[in-house]
Amino acid sequence: MSASTALGAVSRSLRNLLVAEMSISPPVPVTLLGPDEVGAVRRVNLFLYRVEEHPQLRNQQFQLRAGTTGTLTAPPLSLVLYYVLTAYAASDPQTGAADSHAILGDAMRTLYEHPVIPPANLVDDLGQAREELRLMQVVLDSEELGRIWATFDAPYRLSAMYEVSVVQLDQSAATDETMARRVRTIGVPDVRAPYRPPSVTGIDPISGPTGTSVTVTGESLAGWQANVEVTGADAAADLAITADSFQFTVPAGLDPGFHQVRIDVSRLARATFFFEVTP
């Protein structure tokens, strides 16, 4: 809400509420005068007599300004407003101030039934305020009541006291600060794990003399390393694989017959086959 008009806007909004919802007949004017100012003889009056900073909303942190991604704005000044509600009417020789008491009672009922000022009664930009404007009756001791009326050198009249909170005054753009950048580079990490793990599907040929070149086939083998043993003898060690197949040579010195071929691809895929060494 605007820092220059918020206090007056709250007072006018309270007046709108009383004008719209009081039911006493005939209707009475609602004024926003000081106790020493002259108004209609028969009326109800709201007087803002004290403004205080909200005790729970002091020293808040800077917040991100709405609609921006890197501008920090100072926290709003959060206030509590205190009002004196007084009814005025001509004194009757028989019933005295009974008419003013009836007016005061109707005004108090209205405020009691609306603990939050309805949006329809708000003026200016109060409708876009972040916080609701809540009403609550407060009790003052006789000494403070006496000081209020004595300040204006006006005779005491039966009154009720109310507080309105929270009224927030936004700080000007001159107090804004630029948020320090914490993320300097945004990118995609280098993920080296394959989408599909490697697998070994077969060898070819499956028989032959020592020194035979054997082709190992599989899927997703490129980029990994292979180790091959034939009956305990190394046939390939840390062999870089560049395609979905690679070769190894059957070691010399193996006796004719079936020999176990163990293939390990980067410890992600293992397979065992039999190769027949022929004379």
C-alpha atoms as a PDB file:
ATOM      1  CA  MET A   1       0.000   0.000   0.000  1.00  0.00           C
ATOM      2  CA  SER A   2       1.112   3.595  -0.493  1.00  0.00           C
ATOM      3  CA  ALA A   3       3.248   5.051   2.287  1.00  0.00           C
ATOM      4  CA  SER A   4       1.728   8.511   1.832  1.00  0.00           C
ATOM      5  CA  THR A   5      -1.966   7.623   1.969  1.00  0.00           C
ATOM      6  CA  ALA A   6      -2.321   4.358   3.938  1.00  0.00           C
ATOM      7  CA  LEU A   7      -3.254   5.868   7.302  1.00  0.00           C
ATOM      8  CA  GLY A   8      -5.941   8.081   5.811  1.00  0.00           C
ATOM      9  CA  ALA A   9      -7.179   5.198   3.659  1.00  0.00           C
ATOM     10  CA  VAL A  10      -7.669   2.989   6.722  1.00  0.00           C
ATOM     11  CA  SER A  11      -9.655   5.711   8.498  1.00  0.00           C
ATOM     12  CA  ARG A  12     -11.876   6.254   5.452  1.00  0.00           C
ATOM     13  CA  SER A  13     -12.377   2.493   5.106  1.00  0.00           C
ATOM     14  CA  LEU A  14     -13.566   2.268   8.715  1.00  0.00           C
ATOM     15  CA  ARG A  15     -15.941   5.158   8.063  1.00  0.00           C
ATOM     16  CA  ASN A  16     -17.297   3.343   4.979  1.00  0.00           C
ATOM     17  CA  LEU A  17     -17.930   0.236   7.099  1.00  0.00           C
ATOM     18  CA  LEU A  18     -19.893   2.171   9.718  1.00  0.00           C
ATOM     19  CA  VAL A  19     -21.905   4.119   7.141  1.00  0.00           C
ATOM     20  CA  ALA A  20     -22.805   0.930   5.255  1.00  0.00           C
ATOM     21  CA  GLU A  21     -23.606  -1.372   8.178  1.00  0.00           C
ATOM     22  CA  MET A  22     -25.021   0.677  11.061  1.00  0.00           C
ATOM     23  CA  SER A  23     -28.771   0.152  11.389  1.00  0.00           C
ATOM     24  CA  ILE A  24     -29.839   2.841  13.863  1.00  0.00           C
ATOM     25  CA  SER A  25     -32.739   4.987  12.724  1.00  0.00           C
ATOM     26  CA  PRO A  26     -32.607   7.712  11.701  1.00  0.00           C
ATOM     27  CA  PRO A  27     -29.097   7.188  10.256  1.00  0.00           C
ATOM     28  CA  VAL A  28     -26.310   9.246  11.778  1.00  0.00           C
ATOM     29  CA  PRO A  29     -23.298  10.857  10.076  1.00  0.00           C
ATOM     30  CA  VAL A  30     -19.889   9.221  10.641  1.00  0.00           C
ATOM     31  CA  THR A  31     -17.047  11.709  11.100  1.00  0.00           C
ATOM     32  CA  LEU A  32     -13.278  11.525  11.441  1.00  0.00           C
ATOM     33  CA  LEU A  33     -12.781  14.591  13.630  1.00  0.00           C
ATOM     34  CA  GLY A  34     -10.803  15.377  16.730  1.00  0.00           C
ATOM     35  CA  PRO A  35     -12.691  15.427  20.042  1.00  0.00           C
ATOM     36  CA  ASP A  36     -12.409  19.227  20.094  1.00  0.00           C
ATOM     37  CA  GLU A  37     -13.765  19.730  16.568  1.00  0.00           C
ATOM     38  CA  VAL A  38     -17.400  20.670  16.075  1.00  0.00           C
ATOM     39  CA  GLY A  39     -19.545  18.350  13.972  1.00  0.00           C
ATOM     40  CA  ALA A  40     -23.192  17.381  13.715  1.00  0.00           C
ATOM     41  CA  VAL A  41     -24.997  17.284  17.016  1.00  0.00           C
ATOM     42  CA  ARG A  42     -26.064  13.668  16.453  1.00  0.00           C
ATOM     43  CA  ARG A  43     -23.227  11.541  15.026  1.00  0.00           C
ATOM     44  CA  VAL A  44     -20.605   8.868  15.621  1.00  0.00           C
ATOM     45  CA  ASN A  45     -16.934   9.832  15.444  1.00  0.00           C
ATOM     46  CA  LEU A  46     -13.685   7.904  14.879  1.00  0.00           C
ATOM     47  CA  PHE A  47     -10.489   9.561  16.054  1.00  0.00           C
ATOM     48  CA  LEU A  48      -7.037   8.102  15.382  1.00  0.00           C
ATOM     49  CA  TYR A  49      -5.170   8.900  18.584  1.00  0.00           C
ATOM     50  CA  ARG A  50      -2.082   6.646  18.487  1.00  0.00           C
ATOM     51  CA  VAL A  51       0.157   4.902  15.934  1.00  0.00           C
ATOM     52  CA  GLU A  52       2.741   2.287  16.941  1.00  0.00           C
ATOM     53  CA  GLU A  53       5.097  -0.054  15.122  1.00  0.00           C
ATOM     54  CA  HIS A  54       3.935  -3.671  15.228  1.00  0.00           C
ATOM     55  CA  PRO A  55       6.150  -5.338  17.887  1.00  0.00           C
ATOM     56  CA  GLN A  56       6.287  -8.769  16.194  1.00  0.00           C
ATOM     57  CA  LEU A  57       7.114  -7.448  12.726  1.00  0.00           C
ATOM     58  CA  ARG A  58      10.154  -5.337  13.527  1.00  0.00           C
ATOM     59  CA  ASN A  59      13.594  -5.952  12.024  1.00  0.00           C
ATOM     60  CA  GLN A  60      12.447  -8.275   9.256  1.00  0.00           C
ATOM     61  CA  GLN A  61      14.848  -9.369   6.525  1.00  0.00           C
ATOM     62  CA  PHE A  62      14.973  -7.892   3.035  1.00  0.00           C
ATOM     63  CA  GLN A  63      12.566  -9.616   0.653  1.00  0.00           C
ATOM     64  CA  LEU A  64      12.549 -10.279  -3.074  1.00  0.00           C
ATOM     65  CA  ARG A  65      10.612  -7.483  -4.794  1.00  0.00           C
ATOM     66  CA  ALA A  66       7.536  -8.826  -6.586  1.00  0.00           C
ATOM     67  CA  GLY A  67       8.036  -9.255 -10.327  1.00  0.00           C
ATOM     68  CA  THR A  68      11.846  -9.320 -10.103  1.00  0.00           C
ATOM     69  CA  THR A  69      14.450 -12.079  -9.836  1.00  0.00           C
ATOM     70  CA  GLY A  70      17.375 -10.240  -8.281  1.00  0.00           C
ATOM     71  CA  THR A  71      16.109  -7.129  -6.473  1.00  0.00           C
ATOM     72  CA  LEU A  72      15.748  -7.109  -2.705  1.00  0.00           C
ATOM     73  CA  THR A  73      13.453  -4.574  -1.091  1.00  0.00           C
ATOM     74  CA  ALA A  74      13.415  -3.376   2.507  1.00  0.00           C
ATOM     75  CA  PRO A  75      10.676  -4.842   4.708  1.00  0.00           C
ATOM     76  CA  PRO A  76       7.541  -2.686   5.023  1.00  0.00           C
ATOM     77  CA  LEU A  77       6.915  -0.524   8.063  1.00  0.00           C
ATOM     78  CA  SER A  78       4.224  -2.475   9.947  1.00  0.00           C
ATOM     79  CA  LEU A  79       1.927  -0.364  12.117  1.00  0.00           C
ATOM     80  CA  VAL A  80      -0.900  -0.747  14.606  1.00  0.00           C
ATOM     81  CA  LEU A  81      -3.502   2.050  14.628  1.00  0.00           C
ATOM     82  CA  TYR A  82      -5.540   2.955  17.716  1.00  0.00           C
ATOM     83  CA  TYR A  83      -8.938   4.686  17.433  1.00  0.00           C
ATOM     84  CA  VAL A  84     -11.395   6.266  19.849  1.00  0.00           C
ATOM     85  CA  LEU A  85     -15.030   5.605  18.879  1.00  0.00           C
ATOM     86  CA  THR A  86     -17.395   8.203  20.354  1.00  0.00           C
ATOM     87  CA  ALA A  87     -21.109   8.866  19.878  1.00  0.00           C
ATOM     88  CA  TYR A  88     -22.657  12.329  20.085  1.00  0.00           C
ATOM     89  CA  ALA A  89     -26.299  13.312  20.630  1.00  0.00           C
ATOM     90  CA  ALA A  90     -28.222  16.077  22.364  1.00  0.00           C
ATOM     91  CA  SER A  91     -28.834  15.394  26.029  1.00  0.00           C
ATOM     92  CA  ASP A  92     -32.482  14.786  26.931  1.00  0.00           C
ATOM     93  CA  PRO A  93     -33.876  16.297  30.164  1.00  0.00           C
ATOM     94  CA  GLN A  94     -35.364  12.935  31.133  1.00  0.00           C
ATOM     95  CA  THR A  95     -33.114  10.265  29.563  1.00  0.00           C
ATOM     96  CA  GLY A  96     -29.838  12.198  29.464  1.00  0.00           C
ATOM     97  CA  ALA A  97     -27.251  10.593  27.143  1.00  0.00           C
ATOM     98  CA  ALA A  98     -29.329   7.511  26.323  1.00  0.00           C
ATOM     99  CA  ASP A  99     -29.520   8.478  22.615  1.00  0.00           C
ATOM    100  CA  SER A 100     -25.731   8.721  22.322  1.00  0.00           C
ATOM    101  CA  HIS A 101     -25.425   5.399  24.153  1.00  0.00           C
ATOM    102  CA  ALA A 102     -27.716   3.773  21.583  1.00  0.00           C
ATOM    103  CA  ILE A 103     -25.621   5.194  18.739  1.00  0.00           C
ATOM    104  CA  LEU A 104     -22.411   3.939  20.352  1.00  0.00           C
ATOM    105  CA  GLY A 105     -23.885   0.480  20.870  1.00  0.00           C
ATOM    106  CA  ASP A 106     -24.919   0.209  17.224  1.00  0.00           C
ATOM    107  CA  ALA A 107     -21.444   1.266  16.083  1.00  0.00           C
ATOM    108  CA  MET A 108     -19.796  -1.256  18.409  1.00  0.00           C
ATOM    109  CA  ARG A 109     -22.073  -4.020  17.126  1.00  0.00           C
ATOM    110  CA  THR A 110     -21.078  -3.166  13.570  1.00  0.00           C
ATOM    111  CA  LEU A 111     -17.366  -3.380  14.315  1.00  0.00           C
ATOM    112  CA  TYR A 112     -17.838  -6.580  16.327  1.00  0.00           C
ATOM    113  CA  GLU A 113     -19.626  -8.243  13.403  1.00  0.00           C
ATOM    114  CA  HIS A 114     -16.765  -7.305  11.055  1.00  0.00           C
ATOM    115  CA  PRO A 115     -13.447  -8.252  12.709  1.00  0.00           C
ATOM    116  CA  VAL A 116     -11.842  -7.892   9.270  1.00  0.00           C
ATOM    117  CA  ILE A 117     -12.664  -4.803   7.207  1.00  0.00           C
ATOM    118  CA  PRO A 118     -14.584  -6.175   4.184  1.00  0.00           C
ATOM    119  CA  PRO A 119     -12.999  -5.619   0.752  1.00  0.00           C
ATOM    120  CA  ALA A 120     -16.115  -3.711  -0.365  1.00  0.00           C
ATOM    121  CA  ASN A 121     -15.361  -0.995   2.196  1.00  0.00           C
ATOM    122  CA  LEU A 122     -11.657  -0.585   1.436  1.00  0.00           C
ATOM    123  CA  VAL A 123     -10.475   2.523  -0.399  1.00  0.00           C
ATOM    124  CA  ASP A 124      -7.433   3.385  -2.532  1.00  0.00           C
ATOM    125  CA  ASP A 125      -5.024   0.455  -2.886  1.00  0.00           C
ATOM    126  CA  LEU A 126      -5.878  -1.276   0.403  1.00  0.00           C
ATOM    127  CA  GLY A 127      -7.570  -4.047  -1.564  1.00  0.00           C
ATOM    128  CA  GLN A 128      -4.136  -5.143  -2.843  1.00  0.00           C
ATOM    129  CA  ALA A 129      -2.534  -5.157   0.616  1.00  0.00           C
ATOM    130  CA  ARG A 130      -0.700  -8.341   1.621  1.00  0.00           C
ATOM    131  CA  GLU A 131      -2.267  -8.406   5.097  1.00  0.00           C
ATOM    132  CA  GLU A 132      -5.887  -8.256   6.227  1.00  0.00           C
ATOM    133  CA  LEU A 133      -6.944  -5.229   8.247  1.00  0.00           C
ATOM    134  CA  ARG A 134      -8.213  -6.726  11.488  1.00  0.00           C
ATOM    135  CA  LEU A 135     -10.255  -4.888  14.136  1.00  0.00           C
ATOM    136  CA  MET A 136     -10.120  -5.568  17.869  1.00  0.00           C
ATOM    137  CA  GLN A 137     -11.528  -3.687  20.825  1.00  0.00           C
ATOM    138  CA  VAL A 138      -8.974  -2.794  23.496  1.00  0.00           C
ATOM    139  CA  VAL A 139      -9.376  -1.693  27.081  1.00  0.00           C
ATOM    140  CA  LEU A 140      -7.647   1.425  28.382  1.00  0.00           C
ATOM    141  CA  ASP A 141      -7.252   2.318  32.019  1.00  0.00           C
ATOM    142  CA  SER A 142      -8.961   5.425  33.346  1.00  0.00           C
ATOM    143  CA  GLU A 143      -5.674   7.347  33.546  1.00  0.00           C
ATOM    144  CA  GLU A 144      -4.949   6.986  29.815  1.00  0.00           C
ATOM    145  CA  LEU A 145      -8.568   7.810  28.967  1.00  0.00           C
ATOM    146  CA  GLY A 146      -8.270  10.965  31.024  1.00  0.00           C
ATOM    147  CA  ARG A 147      -5.077  11.986  29.228  1.00  0.00           C
ATOM    148  CA  ILE A 148      -6.729  11.581  25.815  1.00  0.00           C
ATOM    149  CA  TRP A 149      -9.644  13.866  26.681  1.00  0.00           C
ATOM    150  CA  ALA A 150      -7.522  16.305  28.665  1.00  0.00           C
ATOM    151  CA  THR A 151      -5.242  16.826  25.672  1.00  0.00           C
ATOM    152  CA  PHE A 152      -8.107  18.483  23.813  1.00  0.00           C
ATOM    153  CA  ASP A 153      -9.643  20.207  26.825  1.00  0.00           C
ATOM    154  CA  ALA A 154     -12.947  18.556  25.907  1.00  0.00           C
ATOM    155  CA  PRO A 155     -15.501  17.083  28.324  1.00  0.00           C
ATOM    156  CA  TYR A 156     -15.323  13.313  28.620  1.00  0.00           C
ATOM    157  CA  ARG A 157     -17.808  11.252  26.622  1.00  0.00           C
ATOM    158  CA  LEU A 158     -18.421   7.520  26.815  1.00  0.00           C
ATOM    159  CA  SER A 159     -16.153   5.928  24.200  1.00  0.00           C
ATOM    160  CA  ALA A 160     -14.787   2.603  22.981  1.00  0.00           C
ATOM    161  CA  MET A 161     -11.185   1.971  21.921  1.00  0.00           C
ATOM    162  CA  TYR A 162     -10.123  -0.134  18.915  1.00  0.00           C
ATOM    163  CA  GLU A 163      -6.891  -1.212  17.291  1.00  0.00           C
ATOM    164  CA  VAL A 164      -6.422  -1.963  13.587  1.00  0.00           C
ATOM    165  CA  SER A 165      -3.545  -4.132  12.431  1.00  0.00           C
ATOM    166  CA  VAL A 166      -1.516  -4.736  10.522  1.00  0.00           C
ATOM    167  CA  VAL A 167      -1.096  -1.620   8.334  1.00  0.00           C
ATOM    168  CA  GLN A 168       2.027  -1.938   6.175  1.00  0.00           C
ATOM    169  CA  LEU A 169       3.795   0.942   4.459  1.00  0.00           C
ATOM    170  CA  ASP A 170       6.008  -0.196   1.579  1.00  0.00           C
ATOM    171  CA  GLN A 171       9.490   1.306   1.393  1.00  0.00           C
ATOM    172  CA  SER A 172      10.549   3.340  -1.618  1.00  0.00           C
ATOM    173  CA  ALA A 173      12.616   1.857  -4.442  1.00  0.00           C
ATOM    174  CA  ALA A 174      15.605   3.887  -3.215  1.00  0.00           C
ATOM    175  CA  THR A 175      16.090   1.318  -0.435  1.00  0.00           C
ATOM    176  CA  ASP A 176      16.291  -1.639  -2.858  1.00  0.00           C
ATOM    177  CA  GLU A 177      19.428  -3.758  -3.016  1.00  0.00           C
ATOM    178  CA  THR A 178      20.730  -6.112  -5.687  1.00  0.00           C
ATOM    179  CA  MET A 179      20.860  -9.741  -4.636  1.00  0.00           C
ATOM    180  CA  ALA A 180      24.315 -11.306  -4.881  1.00  0.00           C
ATOM    181  CA  ARG A 181      24.584 -13.882  -7.636  1.00  0.00           C
ATOM    182  CA  ARG A 182      25.204 -17.335  -6.240  1.00  0.00           C
ATOM    183  CA  VAL A 183      24.850 -19.437  -9.395  1.00  0.00           C
ATOM    184  CA  ARG A 184      27.275 -18.281 -12.095  1.00  0.00           C
ATOM    185  CA  THR A 185      27.026 -21.130 -14.617  1.00  0.00           C
ATOM    186  CA  ILE A 186      24.152 -23.389 -15.451  1.00  0.00           C
ATOM    187  CA  GLY A 187      24.900 -26.439 -17.589  1.00  0.00           C
ATOM    188  CA  VAL A 188      24.318 -30.128 -18.124  1.00  0.00           C
ATOM    189  CA  PRO A 189      26.650 -32.404 -16.123  1.00  0.00           C
ATOM    190  CA  ASP A 190      28.860 -34.827 -18.035  1.00  0.00           C
ATOM    191  CA  VAL A 191      27.143 -38.137 -17.353  1.00  0.00           C
ATOM    192  CA  ARG A 192      29.358 -41.001 -18.469  1.00  0.00           C
ATOM    193  CA  ALA A 193      27.244 -43.939 -17.369  1.00  0.00           C
ATOM    194  CA  PRO A 194      25.576 -45.476 -20.445  1.00  0.00           C
ATOM    195  CA  TYR A 195      21.884 -45.457 -20.954  1.00  0.00           C
ATOM    196  CA  ARG A 196      22.131 -49.201 -21.651  1.00  0.00           C
ATOM    197  CA  PRO A 197      24.795 -51.343 -19.880  1.00  0.00           C
ATOM    198  CA  PRO A 198      27.178 -53.423 -22.020  1.00  0.00           C
ATOM    199  CA  SER A 199      26.385 -57.053 -22.733  1.00  0.00           C
ATOM    200  CA  VAL A 200      28.280 -59.913 -24.421  1.00  0.00           C
ATOM    201  CA  THR A 201      26.267 -62.128 -26.766  1.00  0.00           C
ATOM    202  CA  GLY A 202      28.728 -64.594 -28.348  1.00  0.00           C
ATOM    203  CA  ILE A 203      32.100 -65.534 -29.839  1.00  0.00           C
ATOM    204  CA  ASP A 204      33.062 -66.643 -33.354  1.00  0.00           C
ATOM    205  CA  PRO A 205      34.574 -69.066 -34.268  1.00  0.00           C
ATOM    206  CA  ILE A 206      34.054 -71.549 -31.443  1.00  0.00           C
ATOM    207  CA  SER A 207      36.873 -73.862 -32.447  1.00  0.00           C
ATOM    208  CA  GLY A 208      40.304 -73.742 -34.038  1.00  0.00           C
ATOM    209  CA  PRO A 209      44.010 -74.155 -33.295  1.00  0.00           C
ATOM    210  CA  THR A 210      45.938 -71.955 -30.895  1.00  0.00           C
ATOM    211  CA  GLY A 211      46.634 -68.554 -32.408  1.00  0.00           C
ATOM    212  CA  THR A 212      43.125 -68.322 -33.826  1.00  0.00           C
ATOM    213  CA  SER A 213      41.614 -64.804 -33.818  1.00  0.00           C
ATOM    214  CA  VAL A 214      38.243 -64.926 -32.091  1.00  0.00           C
ATOM    215  CA  THR A 215      35.630 -62.163 -32.436  1.00  0.00           C
ATOM    216  CA  VAL A 216      33.513 -61.290 -29.405  1.00  0.00           C
ATOM    217  CA  THR A 217      30.150 -59.672 -30.185  1.00  0.00           C
ATOM    218  CA  GLY A 218      27.741 -57.819 -27.949  1.00  0.00           C
ATOM    219  CA  GLU A 219      25.750 -54.621 -27.392  1.00  0.00           C
ATOM    220  CA  SER A 220      26.799 -51.214 -26.016  1.00  0.00           C
ATOM    221  CA  LEU A 221      30.427 -52.326 -25.798  1.00  0.00           C
ATOM    222  CA  ALA A 222      32.047 -49.201 -27.263  1.00  0.00           C
ATOM    223  CA  GLY A 223      33.911 -47.060 -24.732  1.00  0.00           C
ATOM    224  CA  TRP A 224      34.614 -49.844 -22.241  1.00  0.00           C
ATOM    225  CA  GLN A 225      37.565 -52.196 -21.636  1.00  0.00           C
ATOM    226  CA  ALA A 226      37.723 -55.989 -21.958  1.00  0.00           C
ATOM    227  CA  ASN A 227      39.663 -58.688 -20.155  1.00  0.00           C
ATOM    228  CA  VAL A 228      39.685 -62.231 -21.577  1.00  0.00           C
ATOM    229  CA  GLU A 229      41.019 -65.435 -20.009  1.00  0.00           C
ATOM    230  CA  VAL A 230      41.179 -68.852 -21.692  1.00  0.00           C
ATOM    231  CA  THR A 231      41.566 -71.577 -19.055  1.00  0.00           C
ATOM    232  CA  GLY A 232      43.509 -69.208 -16.807  1.00  0.00           C
ATOM    233  CA  ALA A 233      45.738 -67.787 -19.536  1.00  0.00           C
ATOM    234  CA  ASP A 234      45.382 -64.092 -20.385  1.00  0.00           C
ATOM    235  CA  ALA A 235      44.172 -63.530 -23.919  1.00  0.00           C
ATOM    236  CA  ALA A 236      43.413 -59.787 -23.551  1.00  0.00           C
ATOM    237  CA  ALA A 237      44.062 -57.297 -20.732  1.00  0.00           C
ATOM    238  CA  ASP A 238      42.379 -53.877 -20.494  1.00  0.00           C
ATOM    239  CA  LEU A 239      41.608 -53.963 -24.191  1.00  0.00           C
ATOM    240  CA  ALA A 240      39.916 -50.704 -25.314  1.00  0.00           C
ATOM    241  CA  ILE A 241      36.684 -51.454 -27.165  1.00  0.00           C
ATOM    242  CA  THR A 242      35.701 -49.063 -29.966  1.00  0.00           C
ATOM    243  CA  ALA A 243      32.694 -50.896 -31.423  1.00  0.00           C
ATOM    244  CA  ASP A 244      30.164 -53.537 -30.481  1.00  0.00           C
ATOM    245  CA  SER A 245      32.760 -56.253 -31.158  1.00  0.00           C
ATOM    246  CA  PHE A 246      36.447 -56.902 -30.465  1.00  0.00           C
ATOM    247  CA  GLN A 247      39.029 -59.652 -31.085  1.00  0.00           C
ATOM    248  CA  PHE A 248      41.382 -61.728 -29.002  1.00  0.00           C
ATOM    249  CA  THR A 249      43.859 -64.448 -29.934  1.00  0.00           C
ATOM    250  CA  VAL A 250      43.731 -67.965 -28.471  1.00  0.00           C
ATOM    251  CA  PRO A 251      46.942 -68.285 -26.432  1.00  0.00           C
ATOM    252  CA  ALA A 252      49.598 -70.795 -27.483  1.00  0.00           C
ATOM    253  CA  GLY A 253      50.425 -73.846 -25.385  1.00  0.00           C
ATOM    254  CA  LEU A 254      46.848 -75.015 -24.832  1.00  0.00           C
ATOM    255  CA  ASP A 255      46.183 -78.733 -25.166  1.00  0.00           C
ATOM    256  CA  PRO A 256      43.601 -79.879 -27.718  1.00  0.00           C
ATOM    257  CA  GLY A 257      40.063 -80.039 -26.273  1.00  0.00           C
ATOM    258  CA  PHE A 258      37.467 -77.712 -24.790  1.00  0.00           C
ATOM    259  CA  HIS A 259      38.666 -74.662 -22.880  1.00  0.00           C
ATOM    260  CA  GLN A 260      36.695 -72.152 -20.824  1.00  0.00           C
ATOM    261  CA  VAL A 261      36.681 -68.570 -22.142  1.00  0.00           C
ATOM    262  CA  ARG A 262      35.859 -65.921 -19.549  1.00  0.00           C
ATOM    263  CA  ILE A 263      35.090 -62.385 -20.760  1.00  0.00           C
ATOM    264  CA  ASP A 264      34.785 -59.341 -18.441  1.00  0.00           C
ATOM    265  CA  VAL A 265      33.758 -55.911 -19.784  1.00  0.00           C
ATOM    266  CA  SER A 266      34.714 -53.212 -17.248  1.00  0.00           C
ATOM    267  CA  ARG A 267      33.153 -55.340 -14.496  1.00  0.00           C
ATOM    268  CA  LEU A 268      29.745 -54.408 -15.872  1.00  0.00           C
ATOM    269  CA  ALA A 269      29.180 -57.510 -18.008  1.00  0.00           C
ATOM    270  CA  ARG A 270      30.612 -61.019 -17.699  1.00  0.00           C
ATOM    271  CA  ALA A 271      30.129 -64.048 -19.928  1.00  0.00           C
ATOM    272  CA  THR A 272      31.587 -67.572 -20.183  1.00  0.00           C
ATOM    273  CA  PHE A 273      31.903 -69.622 -23.385  1.00  0.00           C
ATOM    274  CA  PHE A 274      33.698 -72.809 -24.460  1.00  0.00           C
ATOM    275  CA  PHE A 275      36.264 -72.847 -27.253  1.00  0.00           C
ATOM    276  CA  GLU A 276      37.530 -76.151 -28.723  1.00  0.00           C
ATOM    277  CA  VAL A 277      41.251 -76.178 -29.454  1.00  0.00           C
ATOM    278  CA  THR A 278      41.938 -78.444 -32.398  1.00  0.00           C
ATOM    279  CA  PRO A 279      45.287 -80.085 -33.291  1.00  0.00           C
END
